[in-house]
Amino acid sequence: AALLKADVTMSLQEWMALTYAVGVGGS
């Protein structure tokens, strides 16, 4: 939520990488 609210500018590839990272990193 903080990253989205901060409006970080990234490419589609980088947003997909973030989706994986925050989803799986908690494991």
mmCIF file of all heavy atoms, coordinates in Angstrom:
data_MODEL
# 
_entry.id   MODEL 
# 
loop_
_atom_site.group_PDB 
_atom_site.id 
_atom_site.type_symbol 
_atom_site.label_atom_id 
_atom_site.label_alt_id 
_atom_site.label_comp_id 
_atom_site.label_asym_id 
_atom_site.label_entity_id 
_atom_site.label_seq_id 
_atom_site.pdbx_PDB_ins_code 
_atom_site.Cartn_x 
_atom_site.Cartn_y 
_atom_site.Cartn_z 
_atom_site.occupancy 
_atom_site.B_iso_or_equiv 
_atom_site.pdbx_formal_charge 
_atom_site.auth_seq_id 
_atom_site.auth_comp_id 
_atom_site.auth_asym_id 
_atom_site.auth_atom_id 
_atom_site.pdbx_PDB_model_num 
ATOM 1   N N   . ALA A 1 1  ? 0.832  -1.214  0.000   1.00 0.00 ? 1  ALA A N   1 
ATOM 2   C CA  . ALA A 1 1  ? 0.000  0.000   0.000   1.00 0.00 ? 1  ALA A CA  1 
ATOM 3   C C   . ALA A 1 1  ? 0.859  1.253   0.000   1.00 0.00 ? 1  ALA A C   1 
ATOM 4   O O   . ALA A 1 1  ? 0.560  2.227   -0.705  1.00 0.00 ? 1  ALA A O   1 
ATOM 5   C CB  . ALA A 1 1  ? -0.921 -0.013  1.214   1.00 0.00 ? 1  ALA A CB  1 
ATOM 6   N N   . ALA A 1 2  ? 1.945  1.232   0.767   1.00 0.00 ? 2  ALA A N   1 
ATOM 7   C CA  . ALA A 1 2  ? 2.834  2.400   0.822   1.00 0.00 ? 2  ALA A CA  1 
ATOM 8   C C   . ALA A 1 2  ? 3.498  2.649   -0.520  1.00 0.00 ? 2  ALA A C   1 
ATOM 9   O O   . ALA A 1 2  ? 3.610  3.798   -0.973  1.00 0.00 ? 2  ALA A O   1 
ATOM 10  C CB  . ALA A 1 2  ? 3.890  2.191   1.906   1.00 0.00 ? 2  ALA A CB  1 
ATOM 11  N N   . LEU A 1 3  ? 3.938  1.590   -1.186  1.00 0.00 ? 3  LEU A N   1 
ATOM 12  C CA  . LEU A 1 3  ? 4.575  1.735   -2.498  1.00 0.00 ? 3  LEU A CA  1 
ATOM 13  C C   . LEU A 1 3  ? 3.592  2.285   -3.527  1.00 0.00 ? 3  LEU A C   1 
ATOM 14  O O   . LEU A 1 3  ? 3.948  3.139   -4.348  1.00 0.00 ? 3  LEU A O   1 
ATOM 15  C CB  . LEU A 1 3  ? 5.128  0.390   -2.963  1.00 0.00 ? 3  LEU A CB  1 
ATOM 16  C CG  . LEU A 1 3  ? 6.430  -0.073  -2.297  1.00 0.00 ? 3  LEU A CG  1 
ATOM 17  C CD1 . LEU A 1 3  ? 6.712  -1.529  -2.639  1.00 0.00 ? 3  LEU A CD1 1 
ATOM 18  C CD2 . LEU A 1 3  ? 7.592  0.801   -2.733  1.00 0.00 ? 3  LEU A CD2 1 
ATOM 19  N N   . LEU A 1 4  ? 2.370  1.789   -3.490  1.00 0.00 ? 4  LEU A N   1 
ATOM 20  C CA  . LEU A 1 4  ? 1.367  2.266   -4.441  1.00 0.00 ? 4  LEU A CA  1 
ATOM 21  C C   . LEU A 1 4  ? 1.007  3.722   -4.171  1.00 0.00 ? 4  LEU A C   1 
ATOM 22  O O   . LEU A 1 4  ? 0.860  4.519   -5.108  1.00 0.00 ? 4  LEU A O   1 
ATOM 23  C CB  . LEU A 1 4  ? 0.120  1.378   -4.368  1.00 0.00 ? 4  LEU A CB  1 
ATOM 24  C CG  . LEU A 1 4  ? 0.282  -0.058  -4.878  1.00 0.00 ? 4  LEU A CG  1 
ATOM 25  C CD1 . LEU A 1 4  ? -0.963 -0.878  -4.585  1.00 0.00 ? 4  LEU A CD1 1 
ATOM 26  C CD2 . LEU A 1 4  ? 0.577  -0.065  -6.377  1.00 0.00 ? 4  LEU A CD2 1 
ATOM 27  N N   . LYS A 1 5  ? 0.866  4.073   -2.906  1.00 0.00 ? 5  LYS A N   1 
ATOM 28  C CA  . LYS A 1 5  ? 0.529  5.454   -2.564  1.00 0.00 ? 5  LYS A CA  1 
ATOM 29  C C   . LYS A 1 5  ? 1.683  6.408   -2.884  1.00 0.00 ? 5  LYS A C   1 
ATOM 30  O O   . LYS A 1 5  ? 1.463  7.584   -3.195  1.00 0.00 ? 5  LYS A O   1 
ATOM 31  C CB  . LYS A 1 5  ? 0.180  5.555   -1.078  1.00 0.00 ? 5  LYS A CB  1 
ATOM 32  C CG  . LYS A 1 5  ? -1.160 4.941   -0.701  1.00 0.00 ? 5  LYS A CG  1 
ATOM 33  C CD  . LYS A 1 5  ? -2.317 5.717   -1.287  1.00 0.00 ? 5  LYS A CD  1 
ATOM 34  C CE  . LYS A 1 5  ? -3.646 5.179   -0.807  1.00 0.00 ? 5  LYS A CE  1 
ATOM 35  N NZ  . LYS A 1 5  ? -4.795 5.895   -1.406  1.00 0.00 ? 5  LYS A NZ  1 
ATOM 36  N N   . ALA A 1 6  ? 2.916  5.895   -2.815  1.00 0.00 ? 6  ALA A N   1 
ATOM 37  C CA  . ALA A 1 6  ? 4.072  6.735   -3.134  1.00 0.00 ? 6  ALA A CA  1 
ATOM 38  C C   . ALA A 1 6  ? 4.183  7.002   -4.630  1.00 0.00 ? 6  ALA A C   1 
ATOM 39  O O   . ALA A 1 6  ? 4.948  7.860   -5.060  1.00 0.00 ? 6  ALA A O   1 
ATOM 40  C CB  . ALA A 1 6  ? 5.354  6.070   -2.629  1.00 0.00 ? 6  ALA A CB  1 
ATOM 41  N N   . ASP A 1 7  ? 3.398  6.235   -5.425  1.00 0.00 ? 7  ASP A N   1 
ATOM 42  C CA  . ASP A 1 7  ? 3.353  6.420   -6.885  1.00 0.00 ? 7  ASP A CA  1 
ATOM 43  C C   . ASP A 1 7  ? 4.740  6.268   -7.517  1.00 0.00 ? 7  ASP A C   1 
ATOM 44  O O   . ASP A 1 7  ? 5.191  7.124   -8.292  1.00 0.00 ? 7  ASP A O   1 
ATOM 45  C CB  . ASP A 1 7  ? 2.757  7.788   -7.228  1.00 0.00 ? 7  ASP A CB  1 
ATOM 46  C CG  . ASP A 1 7  ? 2.237  7.826   -8.667  1.00 0.00 ? 7  ASP A CG  1 
ATOM 47  O OD1 . ASP A 1 7  ? 1.974  6.741   -9.223  1.00 0.00 ? 7  ASP A OD1 1 
ATOM 48  O OD2 . ASP A 1 7  ? 2.134  8.928   -9.228  1.00 0.00 ? 7  ASP A OD2 1 
ATOM 49  N N   . VAL A 1 8  ? 5.417  5.164   -7.166  1.00 0.00 ? 8  VAL A N   1 
ATOM 50  C CA  . VAL A 1 8  ? 6.723  4.860   -7.754  1.00 0.00 ? 8  VAL A CA  1 
ATOM 51  C C   . VAL A 1 8  ? 6.552  4.562   -9.241  1.00 0.00 ? 8  VAL A C   1 
ATOM 52  O O   . VAL A 1 8  ? 5.639  3.838   -9.644  1.00 0.00 ? 8  VAL A O   1 
ATOM 53  C CB  . VAL A 1 8  ? 7.360  3.643   -7.047  1.00 0.00 ? 8  VAL A CB  1 
ATOM 54  C CG1 . VAL A 1 8  ? 8.682  3.271   -7.691  1.00 0.00 ? 8  VAL A CG1 1 
ATOM 55  C CG2 . VAL A 1 8  ? 7.557  3.949   -5.562  1.00 0.00 ? 8  VAL A CG2 1 
ATOM 56  N N   . THR A 1 9  ? 7.418  5.124   -10.060 1.00 0.00 ? 9  THR A N   1 
ATOM 57  C CA  . THR A 1 9  ? 7.349  4.917   -11.511 1.00 0.00 ? 9  THR A CA  1 
ATOM 58  C C   . THR A 1 9  ? 8.196  3.711   -11.899 1.00 0.00 ? 9  THR A C   1 
ATOM 59  O O   . THR A 1 9  ? 9.408  3.688   -11.675 1.00 0.00 ? 9  THR A O   1 
ATOM 60  C CB  . THR A 1 9  ? 7.850  6.154   -12.268 1.00 0.00 ? 9  THR A CB  1 
ATOM 61  O OG1 . THR A 1 9  ? 7.056  7.291   -11.892 1.00 0.00 ? 9  THR A OG1 1 
ATOM 62  C CG2 . THR A 1 9  ? 7.747  5.941   -13.771 1.00 0.00 ? 9  THR A CG2 1 
ATOM 63  N N   . MET A 1 10 ? 7.542  2.684   -12.467 1.00 0.00 ? 10 MET A N   1 
ATOM 64  C CA  . MET A 1 10 ? 8.245  1.481   -12.904 1.00 0.00 ? 10 MET A CA  1 
ATOM 65  C C   . MET A 1 10 ? 7.622  0.953   -14.188 1.00 0.00 ? 10 MET A C   1 
ATOM 66  O O   . MET A 1 10 ? 6.480  1.277   -14.524 1.00 0.00 ? 10 MET A O   1 
ATOM 67  C CB  . MET A 1 10 ? 8.184  0.385   -11.811 1.00 0.00 ? 10 MET A CB  1 
ATOM 68  C CG  . MET A 1 10 ? 8.991  0.676   -10.568 1.00 0.00 ? 10 MET A CG  1 
ATOM 69  S SD  . MET A 1 10 ? 9.152  -0.785  -9.498  1.00 0.00 ? 10 MET A SD  1 
ATOM 70  C CE  . MET A 1 10 ? 7.472  -0.935  -8.876  1.00 0.00 ? 10 MET A CE  1 
ATOM 71  N N   . SER A 1 11 ? 8.392  0.113   -14.883 1.00 0.00 ? 11 SER A N   1 
ATOM 72  C CA  . SER A 1 11 ? 7.885  -0.523  -16.096 1.00 0.00 ? 11 SER A CA  1 
ATOM 73  C C   . SER A 1 11 ? 6.973  -1.688  -15.706 1.00 0.00 ? 11 SER A C   1 
ATOM 74  O O   . SER A 1 11 ? 6.930  -2.109  -14.540 1.00 0.00 ? 11 SER A O   1 
ATOM 75  C CB  . SER A 1 11 ? 9.048  -1.047  -16.940 1.00 0.00 ? 11 SER A CB  1 
ATOM 76  O OG  . SER A 1 11 ? 9.728  -2.095  -16.260 1.00 0.00 ? 11 SER A OG  1 
ATOM 77  N N   . LEU A 1 12 ? 6.263  -2.233  -16.692 1.00 0.00 ? 12 LEU A N   1 
ATOM 78  C CA  . LEU A 1 12 ? 5.386  -3.382  -16.442 1.00 0.00 ? 12 LEU A CA  1 
ATOM 79  C C   . LEU A 1 12 ? 6.178  -4.565  -15.892 1.00 0.00 ? 12 LEU A C   1 
ATOM 80  O O   . LEU A 1 12 ? 5.738  -5.232  -14.939 1.00 0.00 ? 12 LEU A O   1 
ATOM 81  C CB  . LEU A 1 12 ? 4.672  -3.772  -17.737 1.00 0.00 ? 12 LEU A CB  1 
ATOM 82  C CG  . LEU A 1 12 ? 3.811  -5.037  -17.680 1.00 0.00 ? 12 LEU A CG  1 
ATOM 83  C CD1 . LEU A 1 12 ? 2.735  -4.921  -16.610 1.00 0.00 ? 12 LEU A CD1 1 
ATOM 84  C CD2 . LEU A 1 12 ? 3.183  -5.307  -19.049 1.00 0.00 ? 12 LEU A CD2 1 
ATOM 85  N N   . GLN A 1 13 ? 7.335  -4.822  -16.472 1.00 0.00 ? 13 GLN A N   1 
ATOM 86  C CA  . GLN A 1 13 ? 8.190  -5.916  -16.003 1.00 0.00 ? 13 GLN A CA  1 
ATOM 87  C C   . GLN A 1 13 ? 8.541  -5.733  -14.526 1.00 0.00 ? 13 GLN A C   1 
ATOM 88  O O   . GLN A 1 13 ? 8.519  -6.688  -13.740 1.00 0.00 ? 13 GLN A O   1 
ATOM 89  C CB  . GLN A 1 13 ? 9.460  -5.988  -16.840 1.00 0.00 ? 13 GLN A CB  1 
ATOM 90  C CG  . GLN A 1 13 ? 10.449 -7.047  -16.369 1.00 0.00 ? 13 GLN A CG  1 
ATOM 91  C CD  . GLN A 1 13 ? 11.840 -6.846  -16.946 1.00 0.00 ? 13 GLN A CD  1 
ATOM 92  O OE1 . GLN A 1 13 ? 12.206 -5.733  -17.322 1.00 0.00 ? 13 GLN A OE1 1 
ATOM 93  N NE2 . GLN A 1 13 ? 12.616 -7.916  -17.024 1.00 0.00 ? 13 GLN A NE2 1 
ATOM 94  N N   . GLU A 1 14 ? 8.844  -4.507  -14.134 1.00 0.00 ? 14 GLU A N   1 
ATOM 95  C CA  . GLU A 1 14 ? 9.246  -4.230  -12.752 1.00 0.00 ? 14 GLU A CA  1 
ATOM 96  C C   . GLU A 1 14 ? 8.061  -4.329  -11.789 1.00 0.00 ? 14 GLU A C   1 
ATOM 97  O O   . GLU A 1 14 ? 8.215  -4.783  -10.650 1.00 0.00 ? 14 GLU A O   1 
ATOM 98  C CB  . GLU A 1 14 ? 9.901  -2.853  -12.684 1.00 0.00 ? 14 GLU A CB  1 
ATOM 99  C CG  . GLU A 1 14 ? 11.267 -2.827  -13.379 1.00 0.00 ? 14 GLU A CG  1 
ATOM 100 C CD  . GLU A 1 14 ? 11.730 -1.423  -13.759 1.00 0.00 ? 14 GLU A CD  1 
ATOM 101 O OE1 . GLU A 1 14 ? 10.915 -0.480  -13.653 1.00 0.00 ? 14 GLU A OE1 1 
ATOM 102 O OE2 . GLU A 1 14 ? 12.895 -1.286  -14.171 1.00 0.00 ? 14 GLU A OE2 1 
ATOM 103 N N   . TRP A 1 15 ? 6.863  -3.956  -12.234 1.00 0.00 ? 15 TRP A N   1 
ATOM 104 C CA  . TRP A 1 15 ? 5.685  -4.122  -11.388 1.00 0.00 ? 15 TRP A CA  1 
ATOM 105 C C   . TRP A 1 15 ? 5.363  -5.593  -11.198 1.00 0.00 ? 15 TRP A C   1 
ATOM 106 O O   . TRP A 1 15 ? 4.930  -6.017  -10.116 1.00 0.00 ? 15 TRP A O   1 
ATOM 107 C CB  . TRP A 1 15 ? 4.477  -3.389  -11.985 1.00 0.00 ? 15 TRP A CB  1 
ATOM 108 C CG  . TRP A 1 15 ? 4.457  -1.918  -11.688 1.00 0.00 ? 15 TRP A CG  1 
ATOM 109 C CD1 . TRP A 1 15 ? 4.635  -0.896  -12.564 1.00 0.00 ? 15 TRP A CD1 1 
ATOM 110 C CD2 . TRP A 1 15 ? 4.272  -1.320  -10.398 1.00 0.00 ? 15 TRP A CD2 1 
ATOM 111 N NE1 . TRP A 1 15 ? 4.572  0.311   -11.915 1.00 0.00 ? 15 TRP A NE1 1 
ATOM 112 C CE2 . TRP A 1 15 ? 4.343  0.087   -10.576 1.00 0.00 ? 15 TRP A CE2 1 
ATOM 113 C CE3 . TRP A 1 15 ? 4.050  -1.820  -9.121  1.00 0.00 ? 15 TRP A CE3 1 
ATOM 114 C CZ2 . TRP A 1 15 ? 4.198  0.976   -9.521  1.00 0.00 ? 15 TRP A CZ2 1 
ATOM 115 C CZ3 . TRP A 1 15 ? 3.909  -0.931  -8.063  1.00 0.00 ? 15 TRP A CZ3 1 
ATOM 116 C CH2 . TRP A 1 15 ? 3.980  0.446   -8.268  1.00 0.00 ? 15 TRP A CH2 1 
ATOM 117 N N   . MET A 1 16 ? 5.568  -6.394  -12.236 1.00 0.00 ? 16 MET A N   1 
ATOM 118 C CA  . MET A 1 16 ? 5.355  -7.832  -12.098 1.00 0.00 ? 16 MET A CA  1 
ATOM 119 C C   . MET A 1 16 ? 6.362  -8.434  -11.119 1.00 0.00 ? 16 MET A C   1 
ATOM 120 O O   . MET A 1 16 ? 6.031  -9.313  -10.312 1.00 0.00 ? 16 MET A O   1 
ATOM 121 C CB  . MET A 1 16 ? 5.457  -8.514  -13.460 1.00 0.00 ? 16 MET A CB  1 
ATOM 122 C CG  . MET A 1 16 ? 4.281  -8.211  -14.378 1.00 0.00 ? 16 MET A CG  1 
ATOM 123 S SD  . MET A 1 16 ? 4.444  -8.996  -16.008 1.00 0.00 ? 16 MET A SD  1 
ATOM 124 C CE  . MET A 1 16 ? 4.395  -10.738 -15.566 1.00 0.00 ? 16 MET A CE  1 
ATOM 125 N N   . ALA A 1 17 ? 7.608  -7.955  -11.191 1.00 0.00 ? 17 ALA A N   1 
ATOM 126 C CA  . ALA A 1 17 ? 8.636  -8.438  -10.263 1.00 0.00 ? 17 ALA A CA  1 
ATOM 127 C C   . ALA A 1 17 ? 8.278  -8.075  -8.826  1.00 0.00 ? 17 ALA A C   1 
ATOM 128 O O   . ALA A 1 17 ? 8.458  -8.876  -7.900  1.00 0.00 ? 17 ALA A O   1 
ATOM 129 C CB  . ALA A 1 17 ? 9.994  -7.862  -10.644 1.00 0.00 ? 17 ALA A CB  1 
ATOM 130 N N   . LEU A 1 18 ? 7.755  -6.856  -8.625  1.00 0.00 ? 18 LEU A N   1 
ATOM 131 C CA  . LEU A 1 18 ? 7.339  -6.443  -7.293  1.00 0.00 ? 18 LEU A CA  1 
ATOM 132 C C   . LEU A 1 18 ? 6.177  -7.302  -6.794  1.00 0.00 ? 18 LEU A C   1 
ATOM 133 O O   . LEU A 1 18 ? 6.138  -7.697  -5.620  1.00 0.00 ? 18 LEU A O   1 
ATOM 134 C CB  . LEU A 1 18 ? 6.925  -4.972  -7.295  1.00 0.00 ? 18 LEU A CB  1 
ATOM 135 C CG  . LEU A 1 18 ? 6.398  -4.449  -5.954  1.00 0.00 ? 18 LEU A CG  1 
ATOM 136 C CD1 . LEU A 1 18 ? 7.510  -4.425  -4.905  1.00 0.00 ? 18 LEU A CD1 1 
ATOM 137 C CD2 . LEU A 1 18 ? 5.775  -3.064  -6.110  1.00 0.00 ? 18 LEU A CD2 1 
ATOM 138 N N   . THR A 1 19 ? 5.231  -7.610  -7.687  1.00 0.00 ? 19 THR A N   1 
ATOM 139 C CA  . THR A 1 19 ? 4.098  -8.451  -7.315  1.00 0.00 ? 19 THR A CA  1 
ATOM 140 C C   . THR A 1 19 ? 4.568  -9.795  -6.787  1.00 0.00 ? 19 THR A C   1 
ATOM 141 O O   . THR A 1 19 ? 4.091  -10.284 -5.760  1.00 0.00 ? 19 THR A O   1 
ATOM 142 C CB  . THR A 1 19 ? 3.169  -8.670  -8.524  1.00 0.00 ? 19 THR A CB  1 
ATOM 143 O OG1 . THR A 1 19 ? 2.755  -7.399  -9.041  1.00 0.00 ? 19 THR A OG1 1 
ATOM 144 C CG2 . THR A 1 19 ? 1.943  -9.476  -8.140  1.00 0.00 ? 19 THR A CG2 1 
ATOM 145 N N   . TYR A 1 20 ? 5.534  -10.396 -7.492  1.00 0.00 ? 20 TYR A N   1 
ATOM 146 C CA  . TYR A 1 20 ? 6.094  -11.663 -7.038  1.00 0.00 ? 20 TYR A CA  1 
ATOM 147 C C   . TYR A 1 20 ? 6.836  -11.487 -5.717  1.00 0.00 ? 20 TYR A C   1 
ATOM 148 O O   . TYR A 1 20 ? 6.667  -12.278 -4.775  1.00 0.00 ? 20 TYR A O   1 
ATOM 149 C CB  . TYR A 1 20 ? 7.042  -12.241 -8.089  1.00 0.00 ? 20 TYR A CB  1 
ATOM 150 C CG  . TYR A 1 20 ? 7.716  -13.517 -7.625  1.00 0.00 ? 20 TYR A CG  1 
ATOM 151 C CD1 . TYR A 1 20 ? 7.099  -14.750 -7.825  1.00 0.00 ? 20 TYR A CD1 1 
ATOM 152 C CD2 . TYR A 1 20 ? 8.933  -13.491 -6.958  1.00 0.00 ? 20 TYR A CD2 1 
ATOM 153 C CE1 . TYR A 1 20 ? 7.690  -15.921 -7.380  1.00 0.00 ? 20 TYR A CE1 1 
ATOM 154 C CE2 . TYR A 1 20 ? 9.527  -14.655 -6.505  1.00 0.00 ? 20 TYR A CE2 1 
ATOM 155 C CZ  . TYR A 1 20 ? 8.910  -15.863 -6.715  1.00 0.00 ? 20 TYR A CZ  1 
ATOM 156 O OH  . TYR A 1 20 ? 9.489  -17.020 -6.258  1.00 0.00 ? 20 TYR A OH  1 
ATOM 157 N N   . ALA A 1 21 ? 7.644  -10.444 -5.617  1.00 0.00 ? 21 ALA A N   1 
ATOM 158 C CA  . ALA A 1 21 ? 8.511  -10.257 -4.451  1.00 0.00 ? 21 ALA A CA  1 
ATOM 159 C C   . ALA A 1 21 ? 7.708  -10.096 -3.166  1.00 0.00 ? 21 ALA A C   1 
ATOM 160 O O   . ALA A 1 21 ? 7.972  -10.769 -2.163  1.00 0.00 ? 21 ALA A O   1 
ATOM 161 C CB  . ALA A 1 21 ? 9.416  -9.049  -4.666  1.00 0.00 ? 21 ALA A CB  1 
ATOM 162 N N   . VAL A 1 22 ? 6.717  -9.203  -3.163  1.00 0.00 ? 22 VAL A N   1 
ATOM 163 C CA  . VAL A 1 22 ? 5.961  -8.970  -1.924  1.00 0.00 ? 22 VAL A CA  1 
ATOM 164 C C   . VAL A 1 22 ? 4.996  -10.109 -1.632  1.00 0.00 ? 22 VAL A C   1 
ATOM 165 O O   . VAL A 1 22 ? 4.607  -10.320 -0.480  1.00 0.00 ? 22 VAL A O   1 
ATOM 166 C CB  . VAL A 1 22 ? 5.202  -7.622  -1.980  1.00 0.00 ? 22 VAL A CB  1 
ATOM 167 C CG1 . VAL A 1 22 ? 6.171  -6.456  -2.044  1.00 0.00 ? 22 VAL A CG1 1 
ATOM 168 C CG2 . VAL A 1 22 ? 4.218  -7.579  -3.142  1.00 0.00 ? 22 VAL A CG2 1 
ATOM 169 N N   . GLY A 1 23 ? 4.621  -10.858 -2.672  1.00 0.00 ? 23 GLY A N   1 
ATOM 170 C CA  . GLY A 1 23 ? 3.727  -11.992 -2.459  1.00 0.00 ? 23 GLY A CA  1 
ATOM 171 C C   . GLY A 1 23 ? 4.428  -13.203 -1.871  1.00 0.00 ? 23 GLY A C   1 
ATOM 172 O O   . GLY A 1 23 ? 3.887  -13.898 -1.014  1.00 0.00 ? 23 GLY A O   1 
ATOM 173 N N   . VAL A 1 24 ? 5.656  -13.455 -2.325  1.00 0.00 ? 24 VAL A N   1 
ATOM 174 C CA  . VAL A 1 24 ? 6.389  -14.662 -1.935  1.00 0.00 ? 24 VAL A CA  1 
ATOM 175 C C   . VAL A 1 24 ? 7.419  -14.383 -0.848  1.00 0.00 ? 24 VAL A C   1 
ATOM 176 O O   . VAL A 1 24 ? 7.755  -15.266 -0.057  1.00 0.00 ? 24 VAL A O   1 
ATOM 177 C CB  . VAL A 1 24 ? 7.065  -15.302 -3.172  1.00 0.00 ? 24 VAL A CB  1 
ATOM 178 C CG1 . VAL A 1 24 ? 7.809  -16.576 -2.805  1.00 0.00 ? 24 VAL A CG1 1 
ATOM 179 C CG2 . VAL A 1 24 ? 6.027  -15.603 -4.251  1.00 0.00 ? 24 VAL A CG2 1 
ATOM 180 N N   . GLY A 1 25 ? 7.949  -13.154 -0.791  1.00 0.00 ? 25 GLY A N   1 
ATOM 181 C CA  . GLY A 1 25 ? 9.013  -12.823 0.154   1.00 0.00 ? 25 GLY A CA  1 
ATOM 182 C C   . GLY A 1 25 ? 8.647  -13.076 1.607   1.00 0.00 ? 25 GLY A C   1 
ATOM 183 O O   . GLY A 1 25 ? 9.505  -13.412 2.430   1.00 0.00 ? 25 GLY A O   1 
ATOM 184 N N   . GLY A 1 26 ? 7.359  -12.964 1.932   1.00 0.00 ? 26 GLY A N   1 
ATOM 185 C CA  . GLY A 1 26 ? 6.926  -13.217 3.301   1.00 0.00 ? 26 GLY A CA  1 
ATOM 186 C C   . GLY A 1 26 ? 7.145  -14.650 3.744   1.00 0.00 ? 26 GLY A C   1 
ATOM 187 O O   . GLY A 1 26 ? 7.115  -14.953 4.942   1.00 0.00 ? 26 GLY A O   1 
ATOM 188 N N   . SER A 1 27 ? 7.379  -15.549 2.783   1.00 0.00 ? 27 SER A N   1 
ATOM 189 C CA  . SER A 1 27 ? 7.606  -16.963 3.103   1.00 0.00 ? 27 SER A CA  1 
ATOM 190 C C   . SER A 1 27 ? 8.975  -17.210 3.722   1.00 0.00 ? 27 SER A C   1 
ATOM 191 O O   . SER A 1 27 ? 9.213  -18.286 4.273   1.00 0.00 ? 27 SER A O   1 
ATOM 192 C CB  . SER A 1 27 ? 7.493  -17.815 1.822   1.00 0.00 ? 27 SER A CB  1 
ATOM 193 O OG  . SER A 1 27 ? 6.301  -17.573 1.139   1.00 0.00 ? 27 SER A OG  1 
# 
